[in-house]
Amino acid sequence: MSSHDTSALVIDRHARGAYSPDVLRLERRAVPAPEDGDLLIEVLYLSIDPTNRNWLKLETANTVREKIGRDLRIGDAMVGEGLGNVLRSRHPDFIEGDVVAGVMEWQETAVVPGARMRHVDVAEDEPLTAHLTIYSHIGMAAMVGLYEIAKIQPGETVLVSAAGGATGRLAVGIAAAHGCRVIGIAGGPDKCTDVLRAGASAAIDYKSEDDLAAGIRAAAPEGVDVYFDGVGGATLDAALSAMSRHGRVAICGVMSDYEEGPHRVGIRNMFLVLIRELKIEGYLAGSHWHRRGDYFAKLRQLLRSGQIEHRIEESVGLESAANQLSKLFTGDNRGKLVVRVGRT
């Protein structure tokens, strides 16, 4: 039996090739009554992330099954990280009025498994959306990549791609606070300014570089010890040319592969991986979720000391989410993209 209807952003077709917002359509659909273990939530905010684009390909070889226990299909509501207010609980760990975070449907109200939600401790001196930028999958991606995968050390040179984006900008600030010399790669002078403000010693505008590899080597003449990569493709290949012996590469994303096209670039510098004895490792932040208490505590210290910042670009209304996702691939955003859906 359905409890009520709600607005939902539904997958209308496979999102292959260049992303177009019309792969999603807005419609009314029934919200089922929550069963044992479920929560009925009002969706407050949605996080707009590059992985959403990947999930919209509707391929089995992505991470959505690990998040929701099934593949997405045409006709399903889109899903992603979000914040919600519990309207009704049938899970013993949650009560009405709790604020929760986790992967939820892109709807105004939704039923979610309580086992896949986490409590959000709302601090009076912090915005609620910090739980989508700092104390979130974004903060975990930056912390895990730098500390657990790359094992950064003070005095090392750290290169960060997509450094003007949400995860990259956090990685810049975290590495700089740890005593590293940080070089950020971003697109355009405004984003490069943001990267320098975040703590980088140098910023490389890939849009104005005729030879990105040469630009990286010029910025790091003694070599790059750690490369924090969210792009892959040609950017990764360029970074490999500047890596120091025994350098480490942490792969937290491959945005160059999310937008499929005829000019996807493979790696040509693999010989350098061998002779410089480089370590390249991909990771999923969710696999390290058991460390979130320690990492969130560290992130809170960095936020309150001003060494990292909470910066969002917020749109209002569920219907704006499809266009917000476009900004990730046009470079029009300068903050973490979120959509305010419900009342806050």
Protein backbone atom coordinates (compact mmCIF):
# COMPACT_ATOMS: atom_id res chain seq x y z
CA MET A 1 0.00 0.00 0.00
CA SER A 2 1.32 3.46 -0.89
CA SER A 3 1.42 6.21 1.68
CA HIS A 4 1.53 9.16 -0.71
CA ASP A 5 2.92 10.49 -3.99
CA THR A 6 6.13 12.44 -4.44
CA SER A 7 8.16 14.13 -7.17
CA ALA A 8 11.06 12.06 -8.47
CA LEU A 9 13.81 12.41 -11.07
CA VAL A 10 13.58 9.23 -13.12
CA ILE A 11 16.09 7.73 -15.55
CA ASP A 12 14.61 8.10 -19.02
CA ARG A 13 17.43 6.48 -21.05
CA HIS A 14 21.05 5.35 -20.91
CA ALA A 15 23.46 8.28 -20.54
CA ARG A 16 26.03 7.18 -23.11
CA GLY A 17 28.35 9.64 -24.82
CA ALA A 18 28.24 13.28 -23.77
CA TYR A 19 25.93 13.87 -20.81
CA SER A 20 22.63 15.61 -21.47
CA PRO A 21 20.21 16.63 -18.68
CA ASP A 22 17.28 15.15 -20.57
CA VAL A 23 18.37 11.64 -19.61
CA LEU A 24 16.36 12.37 -16.46
CA ARG A 25 12.69 13.28 -16.32
CA LEU A 26 10.58 14.66 -13.48
CA GLU A 27 7.45 12.72 -12.61
CA ARG A 28 5.11 11.93 -9.74
CA ARG A 29 5.32 8.45 -8.31
CA ALA A 30 4.02 6.54 -5.32
CA VAL A 31 6.11 6.22 -2.16
CA PRO A 32 5.57 2.82 -0.52
CA ALA A 33 4.94 2.55 3.19
CA PRO A 34 8.15 1.72 5.07
CA GLU A 35 8.62 -1.91 6.08
CA ASP A 36 10.59 -3.31 9.01
CA GLY A 37 14.09 -1.86 8.93
CA ASP A 38 13.12 1.06 6.70
CA LEU A 39 12.98 4.81 7.15
CA LEU A 40 10.59 7.22 5.48
CA ILE A 41 12.59 10.40 4.92
CA GLU A 42 12.14 13.89 3.61
CA VAL A 43 15.10 14.47 1.31
CA LEU A 44 16.78 17.71 2.37
CA TYR A 45 19.87 17.92 0.16
CA LEU A 46 21.36 15.94 -2.71
CA SER A 47 25.07 15.76 -3.45
CA ILE A 48 25.99 16.09 -7.14
CA ASP A 49 29.08 13.99 -7.87
CA PRO A 50 31.01 12.72 -10.91
CA THR A 51 30.06 9.16 -9.98
CA ASN A 52 26.41 10.04 -10.64
CA ARG A 53 27.36 10.49 -14.28
CA ASN A 54 29.03 7.09 -14.31
CA TRP A 55 26.02 5.42 -12.71
CA LEU A 56 23.76 6.86 -15.40
CA LYS A 57 25.51 4.70 -18.00
CA LEU A 58 23.53 1.84 -16.45
CA GLU A 59 26.48 -0.52 -16.75
CA THR A 60 27.03 -3.38 -14.34
CA ALA A 61 30.73 -2.48 -13.96
CA ASN A 62 30.24 0.48 -11.64
CA THR A 63 29.75 0.96 -7.92
CA VAL A 64 26.02 1.59 -7.67
CA ARG A 65 25.25 -2.05 -6.83
CA GLU A 66 27.51 -1.75 -3.78
CA LYS A 67 25.50 1.28 -2.66
CA ILE A 68 21.91 0.12 -3.20
CA GLY A 69 22.20 -3.65 -3.64
CA ARG A 70 21.04 -3.67 -7.27
CA ASP A 71 21.72 -2.16 -10.68
CA LEU A 72 19.91 0.92 -11.90
CA ARG A 73 17.49 0.55 -14.80
CA ILE A 74 15.52 2.81 -17.10
CA GLY A 75 12.42 3.91 -15.20
CA ASP A 76 14.12 3.88 -11.80
CA ALA A 77 14.52 7.02 -9.75
CA MET A 78 18.11 8.26 -9.87
CA VAL A 79 20.12 7.82 -6.67
CA GLY A 80 23.03 9.55 -4.96
CA GLU A 81 24.43 10.71 -1.65
CA GLY A 82 22.10 12.97 0.28
CA LEU A 83 20.80 14.21 3.60
CA GLY A 84 17.34 13.45 4.88
CA ASN A 85 15.02 14.06 7.80
CA VAL A 86 13.35 10.97 9.26
CA LEU A 87 9.56 11.27 9.04
CA ARG A 88 8.83 7.72 10.18
CA SER A 89 11.17 5.02 11.45
CA ARG A 90 10.81 1.27 11.46
CA HIS A 91 14.46 0.78 12.40
CA PRO A 92 15.49 0.58 16.07
CA ASP A 93 18.49 2.90 15.66
CA PHE A 94 16.53 5.88 14.34
CA ILE A 95 13.64 8.01 15.53
CA GLU A 96 11.44 10.64 13.93
CA GLY A 97 13.35 13.89 13.52
CA ASP A 98 16.79 12.32 13.11
CA VAL A 99 18.93 13.68 10.30
CA VAL A 100 20.55 10.93 8.23
CA ALA A 101 23.04 10.70 5.39
CA GLY A 102 23.56 8.03 2.76
CA VAL A 103 22.59 7.01 -0.74
CA MET A 104 18.96 7.88 -1.42
CA GLU A 105 16.63 8.30 -4.36
CA TRP A 106 16.39 11.66 -6.08
CA GLN A 107 12.90 12.30 -4.74
CA GLU A 108 11.25 14.74 -2.36
CA THR A 109 10.38 11.89 -0.01
CA ALA A 110 11.75 8.36 -0.13
CA VAL A 111 11.92 5.06 1.70
CA VAL A 112 15.49 3.96 2.50
CA PRO A 113 16.94 0.97 4.37
CA GLY A 114 17.99 2.15 7.81
CA ALA A 115 21.03 -0.13 7.68
CA ARG A 116 22.45 1.99 4.84
CA MET A 117 21.96 5.32 6.58
CA ARG A 118 24.19 7.03 9.13
CA HIS A 119 23.32 9.52 11.85
CA VAL A 120 24.29 13.14 11.24
CA ASP A 121 25.33 15.07 14.33
CA VAL A 122 24.28 18.61 13.58
CA ALA A 123 26.65 21.13 15.18
CA GLU A 124 25.30 24.64 15.82
CA ASP A 125 28.43 26.28 14.42
CA GLU A 126 28.54 24.22 11.20
CA PRO A 127 26.21 24.22 8.18
CA LEU A 128 24.25 21.06 7.58
CA THR A 129 25.70 20.79 4.08
CA ALA A 130 29.17 20.27 5.60
CA HIS A 131 28.01 16.66 5.86
CA LEU A 132 28.05 16.52 2.06
CA THR A 133 31.39 18.32 1.64
CA ILE A 134 33.64 17.69 4.64
CA TYR A 135 32.17 14.95 6.86
CA SER A 136 31.16 12.84 3.89
CA HIS A 137 32.26 10.64 1.02
CA ILE A 138 34.13 13.70 -0.28
CA GLY A 139 36.16 14.20 2.88
CA MET A 140 36.77 10.47 3.15
CA ALA A 141 38.00 10.27 -0.46
CA ALA A 142 40.59 12.98 0.19
CA MET A 143 41.73 11.61 3.56
CA VAL A 144 41.92 7.97 2.49
CA GLY A 145 43.76 8.77 -0.72
CA LEU A 146 46.38 10.92 0.96
CA TYR A 147 46.87 9.07 4.24
CA GLU A 148 46.06 5.41 3.62
CA ILE A 149 46.91 4.99 -0.06
CA ALA A 150 49.68 7.54 -0.71
CA LYS A 151 50.91 7.83 2.90
CA ILE A 152 52.02 11.44 2.47
CA GLN A 153 54.96 12.72 4.49
CA PRO A 154 55.88 16.32 5.41
CA GLY A 155 58.23 17.87 2.88
CA GLU A 156 57.00 15.80 -0.05
CA THR A 157 55.69 17.27 -3.29
CA VAL A 158 52.04 16.37 -3.89
CA LEU A 159 50.32 16.90 -7.24
CA VAL A 160 46.52 17.07 -7.29
CA SER A 161 44.38 16.91 -10.44
CA ALA A 162 40.85 18.34 -10.58
CA ALA A 163 42.16 20.53 -7.79
CA GLY A 164 39.39 23.07 -8.28
CA GLY A 165 36.74 20.44 -7.61
CA ALA A 166 35.25 19.42 -4.28
CA THR A 167 37.53 16.48 -3.52
CA GLY A 168 40.63 17.95 -5.15
CA ARG A 169 40.39 21.25 -3.27
CA LEU A 170 40.08 19.37 0.01
CA ALA A 171 43.10 17.25 -0.91
CA VAL A 172 45.11 20.41 -1.57
CA GLY A 173 44.30 21.85 1.85
CA ILE A 174 44.87 18.58 3.71
CA ALA A 175 48.26 17.96 2.09
CA ALA A 176 49.38 21.54 2.64
CA ALA A 177 48.36 21.36 6.30
CA HIS A 178 50.47 18.18 6.60
CA GLY A 179 53.56 20.10 5.52
CA CYS A 180 53.67 19.05 1.87
CA ARG A 181 54.41 21.28 -1.11
CA VAL A 182 51.25 21.07 -3.20
CA ILE A 183 50.78 21.65 -6.92
CA GLY A 184 47.22 21.76 -8.23
CA ILE A 185 45.94 21.21 -11.75
CA ALA A 186 42.71 23.04 -12.59
CA GLY A 187 40.89 24.53 -15.57
CA GLY A 188 40.98 28.31 -16.00
CA PRO A 189 42.45 31.24 -14.05
CA ASP A 190 39.58 31.49 -11.57
CA LYS A 191 39.89 27.87 -10.50
CA CYS A 192 43.67 28.20 -10.30
CA THR A 193 43.15 31.14 -7.94
CA ASP A 194 40.89 28.92 -5.83
CA VAL A 195 43.59 26.23 -5.77
CA LEU A 196 46.21 28.68 -4.53
CA ARG A 197 43.81 29.95 -1.89
CA ALA A 198 43.25 26.36 -0.76
CA GLY A 199 46.95 26.03 0.07
CA ALA A 200 48.78 25.07 -3.12
CA SER A 201 52.22 26.53 -3.81
CA ALA A 202 51.58 26.42 -7.55
CA ALA A 203 48.60 25.98 -9.85
CA ILE A 204 48.70 24.70 -13.43
CA ASP A 205 45.92 25.73 -15.83
CA TYR A 206 45.58 22.69 -18.05
CA LYS A 207 43.40 24.65 -20.46
CA SER A 208 46.28 27.02 -21.29
CA GLU A 209 49.10 24.45 -21.29
CA ASP A 210 50.22 23.25 -24.71
CA ASP A 211 52.24 20.51 -23.02
CA LEU A 212 50.80 19.53 -19.64
CA ALA A 213 53.62 17.10 -18.88
CA ALA A 214 56.21 19.84 -19.41
CA GLY A 215 54.17 22.20 -17.23
CA ILE A 216 54.12 19.68 -14.39
CA ARG A 217 57.86 19.04 -14.66
CA ALA A 218 58.52 22.78 -14.61
CA ALA A 219 56.43 23.20 -11.46
CA ALA A 220 58.12 20.20 -9.80
CA PRO A 221 61.73 20.18 -11.07
CA GLU A 222 62.76 17.72 -8.35
CA GLY A 223 59.89 15.40 -9.13
CA VAL A 224 56.44 14.56 -7.75
CA ASP A 225 56.34 12.20 -4.77
CA VAL A 226 52.57 11.74 -4.64
CA TYR A 227 49.94 12.20 -7.32
CA PHE A 228 46.32 12.42 -6.13
CA ASP A 229 44.30 11.75 -9.28
CA GLY A 230 40.64 12.23 -10.00
CA VAL A 231 40.91 12.49 -13.78
CA GLY A 232 42.88 9.63 -15.33
CA GLY A 233 43.56 9.56 -19.06
CA ALA A 234 45.94 12.12 -20.52
CA THR A 235 46.35 13.92 -17.20
CA LEU A 236 47.53 10.75 -15.48
CA ASP A 237 49.88 10.04 -18.37
CA ALA A 238 51.35 13.54 -18.10
CA ALA A 239 51.78 13.22 -14.33
CA LEU A 240 53.69 9.94 -14.69
CA SER A 241 56.40 11.78 -16.61
CA ALA A 242 57.14 13.91 -13.54
CA MET A 243 57.04 11.24 -10.83
CA SER A 244 60.02 10.69 -8.55
CA ARG A 245 61.49 7.25 -7.93
CA HIS A 246 59.19 5.25 -5.62
CA GLY A 247 56.41 7.77 -6.17
CA ARG A 248 52.83 6.88 -5.27
CA VAL A 249 49.68 7.50 -7.29
CA ALA A 250 46.27 7.39 -5.57
CA ILE A 251 43.36 7.04 -8.02
CA CYS A 252 40.13 8.37 -6.53
CA GLY A 253 38.33 9.04 -9.83
CA VAL A 254 38.59 8.86 -13.62
CA MET A 255 36.48 11.77 -14.86
CA SER A 256 38.07 11.58 -18.31
CA ASP A 257 36.34 8.22 -18.79
CA TYR A 258 32.91 9.24 -17.52
CA GLU A 259 32.16 11.29 -20.63
CA GLU A 260 32.61 8.69 -23.35
CA GLY A 261 33.86 9.82 -26.75
CA PRO A 262 36.17 8.96 -29.65
CA HIS A 263 39.27 10.54 -28.09
CA ARG A 264 39.76 8.58 -24.87
CA VAL A 265 43.46 8.53 -24.03
CA GLY A 266 45.32 5.53 -22.70
CA ILE A 267 48.57 5.42 -20.75
CA ARG A 268 51.77 5.63 -22.78
CA ASN A 269 54.19 6.15 -19.91
CA MET A 270 53.88 2.72 -18.31
CA PHE A 271 57.61 2.15 -18.84
CA LEU A 272 58.20 4.89 -16.25
CA VAL A 273 56.06 2.97 -13.76
CA LEU A 274 58.53 0.12 -14.08
CA ILE A 275 61.87 1.93 -14.05
CA ARG A 276 60.88 4.43 -11.36
CA GLU A 277 59.22 1.70 -9.29
CA LEU A 278 55.98 3.61 -8.95
CA LYS A 279 52.95 2.46 -7.01
CA ILE A 280 49.52 3.09 -8.57
CA GLU A 281 46.46 2.16 -6.51
CA GLY A 282 42.79 2.81 -6.96
CA TYR A 283 40.42 2.86 -4.01
CA LEU A 284 36.85 3.44 -2.92
CA ALA A 285 36.33 5.64 0.10
CA GLY A 286 33.47 3.41 1.24
CA SER A 287 35.88 0.53 1.76
CA HIS A 288 37.51 2.58 4.52
CA TRP A 289 34.31 3.80 6.15
CA HIS A 290 35.29 2.21 9.47
CA ARG A 291 37.92 4.98 9.81
CA ARG A 292 35.43 7.82 9.43
CA GLY A 293 35.42 8.78 13.12
CA ASP A 294 39.16 9.45 13.12
CA TYR A 295 39.13 11.18 9.76
CA PHE A 296 36.08 13.34 10.47
CA ALA A 297 37.70 14.49 13.74
CA LYS A 298 40.82 15.52 11.82
CA LEU A 299 38.74 17.26 9.18
CA ARG A 300 36.87 19.19 11.86
CA GLN A 301 40.19 20.46 13.24
CA LEU A 302 41.31 21.52 9.78
CA LEU A 303 38.00 23.25 9.05
CA ARG A 304 37.97 25.19 12.30
CA SER A 305 41.61 26.23 11.85
CA GLY A 306 40.84 27.55 8.36
CA GLN A 307 43.17 25.09 6.60
CA ILE A 308 40.27 23.68 4.59
CA GLU A 309 36.99 25.32 3.67
CA HIS A 310 33.35 24.42 3.22
CA ARG A 311 32.26 25.85 -0.11
CA ILE A 312 29.11 24.93 -1.97
CA GLU A 313 27.12 25.95 -5.03
CA GLU A 314 23.50 25.32 -4.19
CA SER A 315 20.54 25.10 -6.51
CA VAL A 316 16.98 24.88 -5.25
CA GLY A 317 14.43 22.30 -6.28
CA LEU A 318 14.66 18.67 -7.28
CA GLU A 319 14.18 19.60 -10.93
CA SER A 320 17.52 21.49 -10.92
CA ALA A 321 19.63 18.38 -10.20
CA ALA A 322 19.99 17.27 -13.83
CA ASN A 323 21.43 20.63 -14.86
CA GLN A 324 23.66 20.79 -11.79
CA LEU A 325 25.27 17.53 -12.88
CA SER A 326 26.15 19.13 -16.24
CA LYS A 327 28.37 21.68 -14.50
CA LEU A 328 30.83 18.99 -13.44
CA PHE A 329 31.74 18.39 -17.09
CA THR A 330 31.64 21.96 -18.37
CA GLY A 331 33.78 23.29 -15.52
CA ASP A 332 31.20 25.92 -14.56
CA ASN A 333 31.24 25.13 -10.84
CA ARG A 334 33.60 26.59 -8.24
CA GLY A 335 32.13 24.88 -5.19
CA LYS A 336 30.69 21.52 -4.17
CA LEU A 337 27.47 21.13 -6.10
CA VAL A 338 24.39 20.42 -3.97
CA VAL A 339 20.65 20.62 -4.54
CA ARG A 340 18.34 21.78 -1.77
CA VAL A 341 15.21 19.69 -2.04
CA GLY A 342 13.33 19.91 1.25
CA ARG A 343 12.92 22.41 4.06
CA THR A 344 15.95 23.04 6.28
